[in-house]
PDB file of N, CA and C in Angstrom:
ATOM      1  N   MET A   1      71.525  84.927  96.928  1.00  0.00           N
ATOM      2  CA  MET A   1      72.563  83.916  96.886  1.00  0.00           C
ATOM      3  C   MET A   1      71.933  82.536  97.001  1.00  0.00           C
ATOM      4  N   LYS A   2      72.653  81.592  96.492  1.00  0.00           N
ATOM      5  CA  LYS A   2      72.174  80.224  96.533  1.00  0.00           C
ATOM      6  C   LYS A   2      73.229  79.372  97.221  1.00  0.00           C
ATOM      7  N   ASP A   3      72.824  78.612  98.209  1.00  0.00           N
ATOM      8  CA  ASP A   3      73.735  77.730  98.926  1.00  0.00           C
ATOM      9  C   ASP A   3      73.833  76.416  98.162  1.00  0.00           C
ATOM     10  N   VAL A   4      75.011  76.174  97.559  1.00  0.00           N
ATOM     11  CA  VAL A   4      75.186  74.991  96.738  1.00  0.00           C
ATOM     12  C   VAL A   4      75.656  73.808  97.574  1.00  0.00           C
ATOM     13  N   ARG A   5      76.701  74.016  98.365  1.00  0.00           N
ATOM     14  CA  ARG A   5      77.235  72.947  99.220  1.00  0.00           C
ATOM     15  C   ARG A   5      78.153  73.562 100.259  1.00  0.00           C
ATOM     16  N   ALA A   6      78.742  72.726 101.078  1.00  0.00           N
ATOM     17  CA  ALA A   6      79.627  73.209 102.141  1.00  0.00           C
ATOM     18  C   ALA A   6      80.878  73.855 101.542  1.00  0.00           C
ATOM     19  N   LEU A   7      81.312  74.931 102.136  1.00  0.00           N
ATOM     20  CA  LEU A   7      82.471  75.676 101.671  1.00  0.00           C
ATOM     21  C   LEU A   7      83.752  74.897 101.970  1.00  0.00           C
ATOM     22  N   LYS A   8      84.628  74.751 100.957  1.00  0.00           N
ATOM     23  CA  LYS A   8      85.900  74.059 101.152  1.00  0.00           C
ATOM     24  C   LYS A   8      87.075  75.000 100.956  1.00  0.00           C
ATOM     25  N   TYR A   9      87.073  75.793  99.890  1.00  0.00           N
ATOM     26  CA  TYR A   9      88.121  76.776  99.622  1.00  0.00           C
ATOM     27  C   TYR A   9      87.468  78.111  99.319  1.00  0.00           C
ATOM     28  N   PHE A  10      88.069  79.181  99.832  1.00  0.00           N
ATOM     29  CA  PHE A  10      87.593  80.520  99.539  1.00  0.00           C
ATOM     30  C   PHE A  10      88.786  81.463  99.522  1.00  0.00           C
ATOM     31  N   LEU A  11      89.094  82.024  98.363  1.00  0.00           N
ATOM     32  CA  LEU A  11      90.207  82.959  98.193  1.00  0.00           C
ATOM     33  C   LEU A  11      91.529  82.398  98.719  1.00  0.00           C
ATOM     34  N   GLY A  12      91.798  81.149  98.445  1.00  0.00           N
ATOM     35  CA  GLY A  12      93.049  80.526  98.865  1.00  0.00           C
ATOM     36  C   GLY A  12      93.071  80.053 100.301  1.00  0.00           C
ATOM     37  N   ILE A  13      91.948  80.146 100.980  1.00  0.00           N
ATOM     38  CA  ILE A  13      91.862  79.713 102.373  1.00  0.00           C
ATOM     39  C   ILE A  13      91.042  78.427 102.421  1.00  0.00           C
ATOM     40  N   LYS A  14      91.616  77.383 102.990  1.00  0.00           N
ATOM     41  CA  LYS A  14      90.909  76.113 103.128  1.00  0.00           C
ATOM     42  C   LYS A  14      90.041  76.180 104.376  1.00  0.00           C
ATOM     43  N   VAL A  15      88.798  75.797 104.229  1.00  0.00           N
ATOM     44  CA  VAL A  15      87.838  75.826 105.332  1.00  0.00           C
ATOM     45  C   VAL A  15      87.467  74.395 105.679  1.00  0.00           C
ATOM     46  N   THR A  16      87.707  74.020 106.927  1.00  0.00           N
ATOM     47  CA  THR A  16      87.376  72.682 107.409  1.00  0.00           C
ATOM     48  C   THR A  16      86.312  72.805 108.496  1.00  0.00           C
ATOM     49  N   HIS A  17      85.238  72.058 108.332  1.00  0.00           N
ATOM     50  CA  HIS A  17      84.124  72.104 109.287  1.00  0.00           C
ATOM     51  C   HIS A  17      84.161  70.880 110.199  1.00  0.00           C
ATOM     52  N   SER A  18      83.857  71.100 111.455  1.00  0.00           N
ATOM     53  CA  SER A  18      83.611  69.988 112.369  1.00  0.00           C
ATOM     54  C   SER A  18      82.292  70.289 113.073  1.00  0.00           C
ATOM     55  N   THR A  19      81.903  69.435 113.981  1.00  0.00           N
ATOM     56  CA  THR A  19      80.618  69.646 114.653  1.00  0.00           C
ATOM     57  C   THR A  19      80.648  70.845 115.588  1.00  0.00           C
ATOM     58  N   THR A  20      81.837  71.203 116.088  1.00  0.00           N
ATOM     59  CA  THR A  20      81.916  72.299 117.055  1.00  0.00           C
ATOM     60  C   THR A  20      82.699  73.517 116.578  1.00  0.00           C
ATOM     61  N   SER A  21      83.374  73.413 115.431  1.00  0.00           N
ATOM     62  CA  SER A  21      84.212  74.543 115.028  1.00  0.00           C
ATOM     63  C   SER A  21      84.423  74.588 113.514  1.00  0.00           C
ATOM     64  N   ILE A  22      85.021  75.677 113.102  1.00  0.00           N
ATOM     65  CA  ILE A  22      85.437  75.863 111.720  1.00  0.00           C
ATOM     66  C   ILE A  22      86.914  76.223 111.756  1.00  0.00           C
ATOM     67  N   CYS A  23      87.711  75.552 110.933  1.00  0.00           N
ATOM     68  CA  CYS A  23      89.156  75.775 110.907  1.00  0.00           C
ATOM     69  C   CYS A  23      89.548  76.386 109.557  1.00  0.00           C
ATOM     70  N   LEU A  24      90.335  77.474 109.605  1.00  0.00           N
ATOM     71  CA  LEU A  24      90.834  78.124 108.405  1.00  0.00           C
ATOM     72  C   LEU A  24      92.314  77.837 108.267  1.00  0.00           C
ATOM     73  N   SER A  25      92.753  77.470 107.058  1.00  0.00           N
ATOM     74  CA  SER A  25      94.155  77.140 106.831  1.00  0.00           C
ATOM     75  C   SER A  25      94.600  77.669 105.479  1.00  0.00           C
ATOM     76  N   GLN A  26      95.832  78.183 105.441  1.00  0.00           N
ATOM     77  CA  GLN A  26      96.422  78.638 104.189  1.00  0.00           C
ATOM     78  C   GLN A  26      97.687  77.847 103.882  1.00  0.00           C
ATOM     79  N   ARG A  27      97.711  76.581 104.238  1.00  0.00           N
ATOM     80  CA  ARG A  27      98.882  75.731 104.027  1.00  0.00           C
ATOM     81  C   ARG A  27      99.296  75.689 102.554  1.00  0.00           C
ATOM     82  N   LYS A  28      98.347  75.485 101.674  1.00  0.00           N
ATOM     83  CA  LYS A  28      98.643  75.413 100.246  1.00  0.00           C
ATOM     84  C   LYS A  28      99.213  76.746  99.757  1.00  0.00           C
ATOM     85  N   TYR A  29      98.677  77.843 100.248  1.00  0.00           N
ATOM     86  CA  TYR A  29      99.163  79.179  99.892  1.00  0.00           C
ATOM     87  C   TYR A  29     100.611  79.359 100.338  1.00  0.00           C
ATOM     88  N   VAL A  30     100.933  78.914 101.557  1.00  0.00           N
ATOM     89  CA  VAL A  30     102.298  79.018 102.079  1.00  0.00           C
ATOM     90  C   VAL A  30     103.247  78.164 101.253  1.00  0.00           C
ATOM     91  N   LEU A  31     102.858  76.941 100.958  1.00  0.00           N
ATOM     92  CA  LEU A  31     103.728  76.057 100.178  1.00  0.00           C
ATOM     93  C   LEU A  31     103.955  76.596  98.770  1.00  0.00           C
ATOM     94  N   ASN A  32     102.931  77.173  98.154  1.00  0.00           N
ATOM     95  CA  ASN A  32     103.104  77.798  96.844  1.00  0.00           C
ATOM     96  C   ASN A  32     104.046  78.998  96.922  1.00  0.00           C
ATOM     97  N   LEU A  33     103.910  79.788  97.965  1.00  0.00           N
ATOM     98  CA  LEU A  33     104.781  80.946  98.161  1.00  0.00           C
ATOM     99  C   LEU A  33     106.234  80.521  98.359  1.00  0.00           C
ATOM    100  N   LEU A  34     106.450  79.479  99.157  1.00  0.00           N
ATOM    101  CA  LEU A  34     107.803  78.979  99.382  1.00  0.00           C
ATOM    102  C   LEU A  34     108.406  78.401  98.099  1.00  0.00           C
ATOM    103  N   THR A  35     107.599  77.734  97.301  1.00  0.00           N
ATOM    104  CA  THR A  35     108.077  77.170  96.042  1.00  0.00           C
ATOM    105  C   THR A  35     108.439  78.273  95.049  1.00  0.00           C
ATOM    106  N   GLU A  36     107.572  79.265  94.921  1.00  0.00           N
ATOM    107  CA  GLU A  36     107.813  80.363  93.975  1.00  0.00           C
ATOM    108  C   GLU A  36     109.055  81.171  94.331  1.00  0.00           C
ATOM    109  N   THR A  37     109.344  81.332  95.618  1.00  0.00           N
ATOM    110  CA  THR A  37     110.500  82.124  96.039  1.00  0.00           C
ATOM    111  C   THR A  37     111.759  81.279  96.165  1.00  0.00           C
ATOM    112  N   GLY A  38     111.638  79.954  96.021  1.00  0.00           N
ATOM    113  CA  GLY A  38     112.802  79.080  96.128  1.00  0.00           C
ATOM    114  C   GLY A  38     113.289  78.898  97.549  1.00  0.00           C
ATOM    115  N   MET A  39     112.420  79.077  98.527  1.00  0.00           N
ATOM    116  CA  MET A  39     112.810  79.001  99.930  1.00  0.00           C
ATOM    117  C   MET A  39     112.727  77.598 100.511  1.00  0.00           C
ATOM    118  N   LEU A  40     112.314  76.620  99.736  1.00  0.00           N
ATOM    119  CA  LEU A  40     112.197  75.259 100.255  1.00  0.00           C
ATOM    120  C   LEU A  40     113.552  74.647 100.596  1.00  0.00           C
ATOM    121  N   ARG A  41     114.621  75.147  99.997  1.00  0.00           N
ATOM    122  CA  ARG A  41     115.950  74.575 100.243  1.00  0.00           C
ATOM    123  C   ARG A  41     116.681  75.242 101.408  1.00  0.00           C
ATOM    124  N   TYR A  42     116.122  76.313 101.962  1.00  0.00           N
ATOM    125  CA  TYR A  42     116.778  77.035 103.052  1.00  0.00           C
ATOM    126  C   TYR A  42     116.436  76.430 104.410  1.00  0.00           C
ATOM    127  N   ALA A  43     117.241  76.783 105.406  1.00  0.00           N
ATOM    128  CA  ALA A  43     117.045  76.272 106.762  1.00  0.00           C
ATOM    129  C   ALA A  43     115.828  76.930 107.409  1.00  0.00           C
ATOM    130  N   LEU A  44     115.350  76.312 108.470  1.00  0.00           N
ATOM    131  CA  LEU A  44     114.208  76.826 109.205  1.00  0.00           C
ATOM    132  C   LEU A  44     114.636  77.960 110.127  1.00  0.00           C
ATOM    133  N   ALA A  45     113.702  78.833 110.467  1.00  0.00           N
ATOM    134  CA  ALA A  45     113.946  79.902 111.418  1.00  0.00           C
ATOM    135  C   ALA A  45     113.023  79.706 112.611  1.00  0.00           C
ATOM    136  N   GLU A  46     113.539  79.933 113.798  1.00  0.00           N
ATOM    137  CA  GLU A  46     112.750  79.750 115.017  1.00  0.00           C
ATOM    138  C   GLU A  46     111.768  80.894 115.267  1.00  0.00           C
ATOM    139  N   THR A  47     112.133  82.105 114.825  1.00  0.00           N
ATOM    140  CA  THR A  47     111.269  83.270 115.020  1.00  0.00           C
ATOM    141  C   THR A  47     111.080  83.972 113.685  1.00  0.00           C
ATOM    142  N   SER A  48     110.023  84.782 113.593  1.00  0.00           N
ATOM    143  CA  SER A  48     109.725  85.450 112.335  1.00  0.00           C
ATOM    144  C   SER A  48     110.573  86.699 112.112  1.00  0.00           C
ATOM    145  N   ILE A  49     111.166  87.238 113.173  1.00  0.00           N
ATOM    146  CA  ILE A  49     112.018  88.417 113.058  1.00  0.00           C
ATOM    147  C   ILE A  49     113.065  88.350 114.161  1.00  0.00           C
ATOM    148  N   VAL A  50     114.225  88.919 113.887  1.00  0.00           N
ATOM    149  CA  VAL A  50     115.310  88.925 114.863  1.00  0.00           C
ATOM    150  C   VAL A  50     114.979  89.912 115.967  1.00  0.00           C
ATOM    151  N   GLN A  51     115.233  89.522 117.210  1.00  0.00           N
ATOM    152  CA  GLN A  51     115.012  90.423 118.334  1.00  0.00           C
ATOM    153  C   GLN A  51     115.972  91.607 118.218  1.00  0.00           C
ATOM    154  N   ASN A  52     115.499  92.811 118.486  1.00  0.00           N
ATOM    155  CA  ASN A  52     116.296  94.036 118.328  1.00  0.00           C
ATOM    156  C   ASN A  52     116.855  94.122 116.909  1.00  0.00           C
ATOM    157  N   HIS A  53     115.986  94.055 115.947  1.00  0.00           N
ATOM    158  CA  HIS A  53     116.341  93.871 114.538  1.00  0.00           C
ATOM    159  C   HIS A  53     117.140  95.011 113.925  1.00  0.00           C
ATOM    160  N   HIS A  54     117.036  96.231 114.374  1.00  0.00           N
ATOM    161  CA  HIS A  54     117.768  97.384 113.840  1.00  0.00           C
ATOM    162  C   HIS A  54     117.557  97.569 112.338  1.00  0.00           C
ATOM    163  N   LEU A  55     116.370  97.293 111.858  1.00  0.00           N
ATOM    164  CA  LEU A  55     116.061  97.545 110.453  1.00  0.00           C
ATOM    165  C   LEU A  55     115.774  99.032 110.278  1.00  0.00           C
ATOM    166  N   ALA A  56     116.361  99.633 109.269  1.00  0.00           N
ATOM    167  CA  ALA A  56     116.175 101.053 108.994  1.00  0.00           C
ATOM    168  C   ALA A  56     116.596 101.328 107.554  1.00  0.00           C
ATOM    169  N   ILE A  57     116.373 102.550 107.117  1.00  0.00           N
ATOM    170  CA  ILE A  57     116.815 102.963 105.789  1.00  0.00           C
ATOM    171  C   ILE A  57     118.178 103.620 105.953  1.00  0.00           C
ATOM    172  N   TYR A  58     119.179 103.042 105.326  1.00  0.00           N
ATOM    173  CA  TYR A  58     120.545 103.561 105.399  1.00  0.00           C
ATOM    174  C   TYR A  58     120.953 104.121 104.039  1.00  0.00           C
ATOM    175  N   LEU A  59     121.855 105.088 104.051  1.00  0.00           N
ATOM    176  CA  LEU A  59     122.300 105.720 102.804  1.00  0.00           C
ATOM    177  C   LEU A  59     123.071 104.766 101.905  1.00  0.00           C
ATOM    178  N   ASP A  60     123.819 103.832 102.487  1.00  0.00           N
ATOM    179  CA  ASP A  60     124.640 102.912 101.699  1.00  0.00           C
ATOM    180  C   ASP A  60     123.960 101.563 101.463  1.00  0.00           C
ATOM    181  N   GLN A  61     122.640 101.516 101.600  1.00  0.00           N
ATOM    182  CA  GLN A  61     121.933 100.244 101.447  1.00  0.00           C
ATOM    183  C   GLN A  61     121.950  99.768 100.000  1.00  0.00           C
ATOM    184  N   VAL A  62     121.922  98.475  99.842  1.00  0.00           N
ATOM    185  CA  VAL A  62     121.896  97.864  98.517  1.00  0.00           C
ATOM    186  C   VAL A  62     120.432  97.800  98.062  1.00  0.00           C
ATOM    187  N   PRO A  63     120.093  98.450  96.951  1.00  0.00           N
ATOM    188  CA  PRO A  63     118.691  98.405  96.495  1.00  0.00           C
ATOM    189  C   PRO A  63     118.325  97.020  95.980  1.00  0.00           C
ATOM    190  N   THR A  64     117.064  96.708  96.065  1.00  0.00           N
ATOM    191  CA  THR A  64     116.558  95.431  95.583  1.00  0.00           C
ATOM    192  C   THR A  64     115.427  95.690  94.594  1.00  0.00           C
ATOM    193  N   ASN A  65     114.923  94.655  94.000  1.00  0.00           N
ATOM    194  CA  ASN A  65     113.818  94.757  93.054  1.00  0.00           C
ATOM    195  C   ASN A  65     112.567  95.205  93.814  1.00  0.00           C
ATOM    196  N   LYS A  66     112.145  96.443  93.573  1.00  0.00           N
ATOM    197  CA  LYS A  66     111.038  97.041  94.322  1.00  0.00           C
ATOM    198  C   LYS A  66     109.727  96.292  94.097  1.00  0.00           C
ATOM    199  N   GLU A  67     109.450  95.900  92.853  1.00  0.00           N
ATOM    200  CA  GLU A  67     108.189  95.212  92.554  1.00  0.00           C
ATOM    201  C   GLU A  67     108.129  93.849  93.252  1.00  0.00           C
ATOM    202  N   ARG A  68     109.240  93.132  93.234  1.00  0.00           N
ATOM    203  CA  ARG A  68     109.282  91.814  93.894  1.00  0.00           C
ATOM    204  C   ARG A  68     109.089  91.971  95.397  1.00  0.00           C
ATOM    205  N   TYR A  69     109.761  92.955  95.986  1.00  0.00           N
ATOM    206  CA  TYR A  69     109.647  93.217  97.420  1.00  0.00           C
ATOM    207  C   TYR A  69     108.195  93.535  97.788  1.00  0.00           C
ATOM    208  N   GLN A  70     107.575  94.432  97.040  1.00  0.00           N
ATOM    209  CA  GLN A  70     106.201  94.819  97.330  1.00  0.00           C
ATOM    210  C   GLN A  70     105.234  93.658  97.141  1.00  0.00           C
ATOM    211  N   ARG A  71     105.471  92.838  96.128  1.00  0.00           N
ATOM    212  CA  ARG A  71     104.613  91.670  95.900  1.00  0.00           C
ATOM    213  C   ARG A  71     104.724  90.686  97.060  1.00  0.00           C
ATOM    214  N   LEU A  72     105.953  90.438  97.542  1.00  0.00           N
ATOM    215  CA  LEU A  72     106.141  89.517  98.666  1.00  0.00           C
ATOM    216  C   LEU A  72     105.492  90.055  99.937  1.00  0.00           C
ATOM    217  N   VAL A  73     105.658  91.347 100.192  1.00  0.00           N
ATOM    218  CA  VAL A  73     105.036  91.938 101.384  1.00  0.00           C
ATOM    219  C   VAL A  73     103.515  91.842 101.278  1.00  0.00           C
ATOM    220  N   GLY A  74     102.978  92.105 100.111  1.00  0.00           N
ATOM    221  CA  GLY A  74     101.526  91.993  99.928  1.00  0.00           C
ATOM    222  C   GLY A  74     101.021  90.581 100.176  1.00  0.00           C
ATOM    223  N   ARG A  75     101.761  89.604  99.711  1.00  0.00           N
ATOM    224  CA  ARG A  75     101.363  88.208  99.933  1.00  0.00           C
ATOM    225  C   ARG A  75     101.459  87.849 101.407  1.00  0.00           C
ATOM    226  N   LEU A  76     102.461  88.387 102.097  1.00  0.00           N
ATOM    227  CA  LEU A  76     102.591  88.124 103.531  1.00  0.00           C
ATOM    228  C   LEU A  76     101.485  88.820 104.322  1.00  0.00           C
ATOM    229  N   ILE A  77     101.079  90.000 103.885  1.00  0.00           N
ATOM    230  CA  ILE A  77      99.960  90.680 104.543  1.00  0.00           C
ATOM    231  C   ILE A  77      98.695  89.831 104.412  1.00  0.00           C
ATOM    232  N   TYR A  78      98.446  89.301 103.224  1.00  0.00           N
ATOM    233  CA  TYR A  78      97.277  88.438 103.029  1.00  0.00           C
ATOM    234  C   TYR A  78      97.378  87.189 103.900  1.00  0.00           C
ATOM    235  N   LEU A  79      98.572  86.656 104.024  1.00  0.00           N
ATOM    236  CA  LEU A  79      98.776  85.453 104.828  1.00  0.00           C
ATOM    237  C   LEU A  79      98.586  85.726 106.315  1.00  0.00           C
ATOM    238  N   SER A  80      98.835  86.935 106.747  1.00  0.00           N
ATOM    239  CA  SER A  80      98.739  87.249 108.173  1.00  0.00           C
ATOM    240  C   SER A  80      97.295  87.249 108.690  1.00  0.00           C
ATOM    241  N   TYR A  81      96.308  87.157 107.806  1.00  0.00           N
ATOM    242  CA  TYR A  81      94.916  87.078 108.244  1.00  0.00           C
ATOM    243  C   TYR A  81      94.642  85.813 109.044  1.00  0.00           C
ATOM    244  N   THR A  82      95.300  84.721 108.683  1.00  0.00           N
ATOM    245  CA  THR A  82      95.087  83.464 109.400  1.00  0.00           C
ATOM    246  C   THR A  82      96.297  83.054 110.226  1.00  0.00           C
ATOM    247  N   ARG A  83      97.353  83.859 110.238  1.00  0.00           N
ATOM    248  CA  ARG A  83      98.577  83.539 110.980  1.00  0.00           C
ATOM    249  C   ARG A  83      98.851  84.643 111.996  1.00  0.00           C
ATOM    250  N   PRO A  84      98.319  84.562 113.205  1.00  0.00           N
ATOM    251  CA  PRO A  84      98.494  85.638 114.190  1.00  0.00           C
ATOM    252  C   PRO A  84      99.925  85.783 114.706  1.00  0.00           C
ATOM    253  N   ASN A  85     100.836  84.908 114.294  1.00  0.00           N
ATOM    254  CA  ASN A  85     102.213  84.980 114.776  1.00  0.00           C
ATOM    255  C   ASN A  85     103.131  85.773 113.851  1.00  0.00           C
ATOM    256  N   ILE A  86     102.658  86.273 112.712  1.00  0.00           N
ATOM    257  CA  ILE A  86     103.543  87.011 111.811  1.00  0.00           C
ATOM    258  C   ILE A  86     103.184  88.478 111.563  1.00  0.00           C
ATOM    259  N   PRO A  87     102.057  89.002 112.009  1.00  0.00           N
ATOM    260  CA  PRO A  87     101.736  90.399 111.657  1.00  0.00           C
ATOM    261  C   PRO A  87     102.766  91.433 112.114  1.00  0.00           C
ATOM    262  N   TYR A  88     103.394  91.254 113.258  1.00  0.00           N
ATOM    263  CA  TYR A  88     104.393  92.235 113.688  1.00  0.00           C
ATOM    264  C   TYR A  88     105.558  92.272 112.704  1.00  0.00           C
ATOM    265  N   ALA A  89     106.082  91.115 112.350  1.00  0.00           N
ATOM    266  CA  ALA A  89     107.214  91.056 111.424  1.00  0.00           C
ATOM    267  C   ALA A  89     106.826  91.599 110.052  1.00  0.00           C
ATOM    268  N   VAL A  90     105.619  91.291 109.598  1.00  0.00           N
ATOM    269  CA  VAL A  90     105.149  91.791 108.306  1.00  0.00           C
ATOM    270  C   VAL A  90     104.979  93.310 108.363  1.00  0.00           C
ATOM    271  N   GLY A  91     104.512  93.820 109.482  1.00  0.00           N
ATOM    272  CA  GLY A  91     104.387  95.266 109.649  1.00  0.00           C
ATOM    273  C   GLY A  91     105.729  95.970 109.593  1.00  0.00           C
ATOM    274  N   VAL A  92     106.740  95.348 110.178  1.00  0.00           N
ATOM    275  CA  VAL A  92     108.079  95.934 110.156  1.00  0.00           C
ATOM    276  C   VAL A  92     108.617  95.990 108.730  1.00  0.00           C
ATOM    277  N   VAL A  93     108.518  94.887 107.978  1.00  0.00           N
ATOM    278  CA  VAL A  93     109.059  94.890 106.610  1.00  0.00           C
ATOM    279  C   VAL A  93     108.217  95.747 105.669  1.00  0.00           C
ATOM    280  N   SER A  94     106.941  95.934 105.975  1.00  0.00           N
ATOM    281  CA  SER A  94     106.105  96.765 105.100  1.00  0.00           C
ATOM    282  C   SER A  94     106.449  98.241 105.225  1.00  0.00           C
ATOM    283  N   GLN A  95     107.142  98.635 106.280  1.00  0.00           N
ATOM    284  CA  GLN A  95     107.552 100.035 106.445  1.00  0.00           C
ATOM    285  C   GLN A  95     108.566 100.450 105.384  1.00  0.00           C
ATOM    286  N   PHE A  96     109.244  99.490 104.771  1.00  0.00           N
ATOM    287  CA  PHE A  96     110.307  99.794 103.817  1.00  0.00           C
ATOM    288  C   PHE A  96     109.869  99.622 102.364  1.00  0.00           C
ATOM    289  N   MET A  97     108.569  99.549 102.118  1.00  0.00           N
ATOM    290  CA  MET A  97     108.090  99.366 100.750  1.00  0.00           C
ATOM    291  C   MET A  97     108.433 100.524  99.822  1.00  0.00           C
ATOM    292  N   PRO A  98     108.451 101.788 100.262  1.00  0.00           N
ATOM    293  CA  PRO A  98     108.818 102.864  99.332  1.00  0.00           C
ATOM    294  C   PRO A  98     110.262 102.783  98.833  1.00  0.00           C
ATOM    295  N   SER A  99     111.180 102.329  99.694  1.00  0.00           N
ATOM    296  CA  SER A  99     112.585 102.210  99.271  1.00  0.00           C
ATOM    297  C   SER A  99     113.186 100.947  99.871  1.00  0.00           C
ATOM    298  N   PRO A 100     112.846  99.801  99.318  1.00  0.00           N
ATOM    299  CA  PRO A 100     113.327  98.540  99.893  1.00  0.00           C
ATOM    300  C   PRO A 100     114.808  98.313  99.630  1.00  0.00           C
ATOM    301  N   SER A 101     115.451  97.693 100.610  1.00  0.00           N
ATOM    302  CA  SER A 101     116.835  97.271 100.424  1.00  0.00           C
ATOM    303  C   SER A 101     116.839  95.753 100.385  1.00  0.00           C
ATOM    304  N   GLU A 102     117.868  95.132 100.849  1.00  0.00           N
ATOM    305  CA  GLU A 102     117.939  93.678 100.825  1.00  0.00           C
ATOM    306  C   GLU A 102     116.727  93.093 101.545  1.00  0.00           C
ATOM    307  N   ASP A 103     116.204  92.023 101.011  1.00  0.00           N
ATOM    308  CA  ASP A 103     114.993  91.422 101.575  1.00  0.00           C
ATOM    309  C   ASP A 103     115.314  90.278 102.527  1.00  0.00           C
ATOM    310  N   VAL A 104     116.335  90.438 103.356  1.00  0.00           N
ATOM    311  CA  VAL A 104     116.728  89.405 104.311  1.00  0.00           C
ATOM    312  C   VAL A 104     115.626  89.165 105.340  1.00  0.00           C
ATOM    313  N   ALA A 105     114.976  90.237 105.786  1.00  0.00           N
ATOM    314  CA  ALA A 105     113.919  90.098 106.792  1.00  0.00           C
ATOM    315  C   ALA A 105     112.726  89.333 106.224  1.00  0.00           C
ATOM    316  N   ILE A 106     112.405  89.561 104.965  1.00  0.00           N
ATOM    317  CA  ILE A 106     111.306  88.817 104.330  1.00  0.00           C
ATOM    318  C   ILE A 106     111.674  87.346 104.205  1.00  0.00           C
ATOM    319  N   MET A 107     112.916  87.079 103.844  1.00  0.00           N
ATOM    320  CA  MET A 107     113.355  85.687 103.711  1.00  0.00           C
ATOM    321  C   MET A 107     113.305  84.976 105.059  1.00  0.00           C
ATOM    322  N   ARG A 108     113.583  85.700 106.140  1.00  0.00           N
ATOM    323  CA  ARG A 108     113.489  85.088 107.468  1.00  0.00           C
ATOM    324  C   ARG A 108     112.044  84.732 107.794  1.00  0.00           C
ATOM    325  N   ILE A 109     111.106  85.597 107.439  1.00  0.00           N
ATOM    326  CA  ILE A 109     109.685  85.295 107.659  1.00  0.00           C
ATOM    327  C   ILE A 109     109.300  84.041 106.886  1.00  0.00           C
ATOM    328  N   LEU A 110     109.762  83.932 105.650  1.00  0.00           N
ATOM    329  CA  LEU A 110     109.452  82.752 104.841  1.00  0.00           C
ATOM    330  C   LEU A 110     110.073  81.491 105.434  1.00  0.00           C
ATOM    331  N   CYS A 111     111.298  81.588 105.959  1.00  0.00           N
ATOM    332  CA  CYS A 111     111.926  80.433 106.614  1.00  0.00           C
ATOM    333  C   CYS A 111     111.157  80.045 107.872  1.00  0.00           C
ATOM    334  N   TYR A 112     110.612  81.035 108.552  1.00  0.00           N
ATOM    335  CA  TYR A 112     109.790  80.764 109.730  1.00  0.00           C
ATOM    336  C   TYR A 112     108.493  80.060 109.331  1.00  0.00           C
ATOM    337  N   LEU A 113     107.890  80.488 108.232  1.00  0.00           N
ATOM    338  CA  LEU A 113     106.654  79.849 107.755  1.00  0.00           C
ATOM    339  C   LEU A 113     106.923  78.428 107.284  1.00  0.00           C
ATOM    340  N   LYS A 114     108.117  78.191 106.794  1.00  0.00           N
ATOM    341  CA  LYS A 114     108.476  76.849 106.341  1.00  0.00           C
ATOM    342  C   LYS A 114     108.456  75.847 107.505  1.00  0.00           C
ATOM    343  N   LYS A 115     108.763  76.349 108.704  1.00  0.00           N
ATOM    344  CA  LYS A 115     108.771  75.495 109.897  1.00  0.00           C
ATOM    345  C   LYS A 115     107.395  74.893 110.169  1.00  0.00           C
ATOM    346  N   ALA A 116     106.366  75.696 109.983  1.00  0.00           N
ATOM    347  CA  ALA A 116     104.998  75.221 110.230  1.00  0.00           C
ATOM    348  C   ALA A 116     104.069  75.863 109.213  1.00  0.00           C
ATOM    349  N   PRO A 117     103.934  75.290 108.021  1.00  0.00           N
ATOM    350  CA  PRO A 117     103.133  75.921 106.982  1.00  0.00           C
ATOM    351  C   PRO A 117     101.621  75.910 107.221  1.00  0.00           C
ATOM    352  N   SER A 118     101.138  75.100 108.155  1.00  0.00           N
ATOM    353  CA  SER A 118      99.686  75.065 108.369  1.00  0.00           C
ATOM    354  C   SER A 118      99.283  75.701 109.671  1.00  0.00           C
TER     355      SER A 118
END
């Protein structure tokens, strides 16, 4: 390998160097995700998931676009590498990838990320 210069971006992660630390940020990734999903116009959420959420697979559930659901969950999993406050909520919504219903829980995570994208 050849060291060309200081690392600034790597796989969508912004790397900022200081004399004592290295900071990783996915702010641009979050803002792109919010723009693509149209979540910029929605209200903010204080938490990433509702307490005592009661999410489960029900017989009368309304099906949703499976590919879109799986793509959003995958993007949130990638985002959770630098966001230690969302892995639990992402883990909960990823349990429903085989048969997703309404993506209200995913939208809440996105509204939570909108509160603090960096």
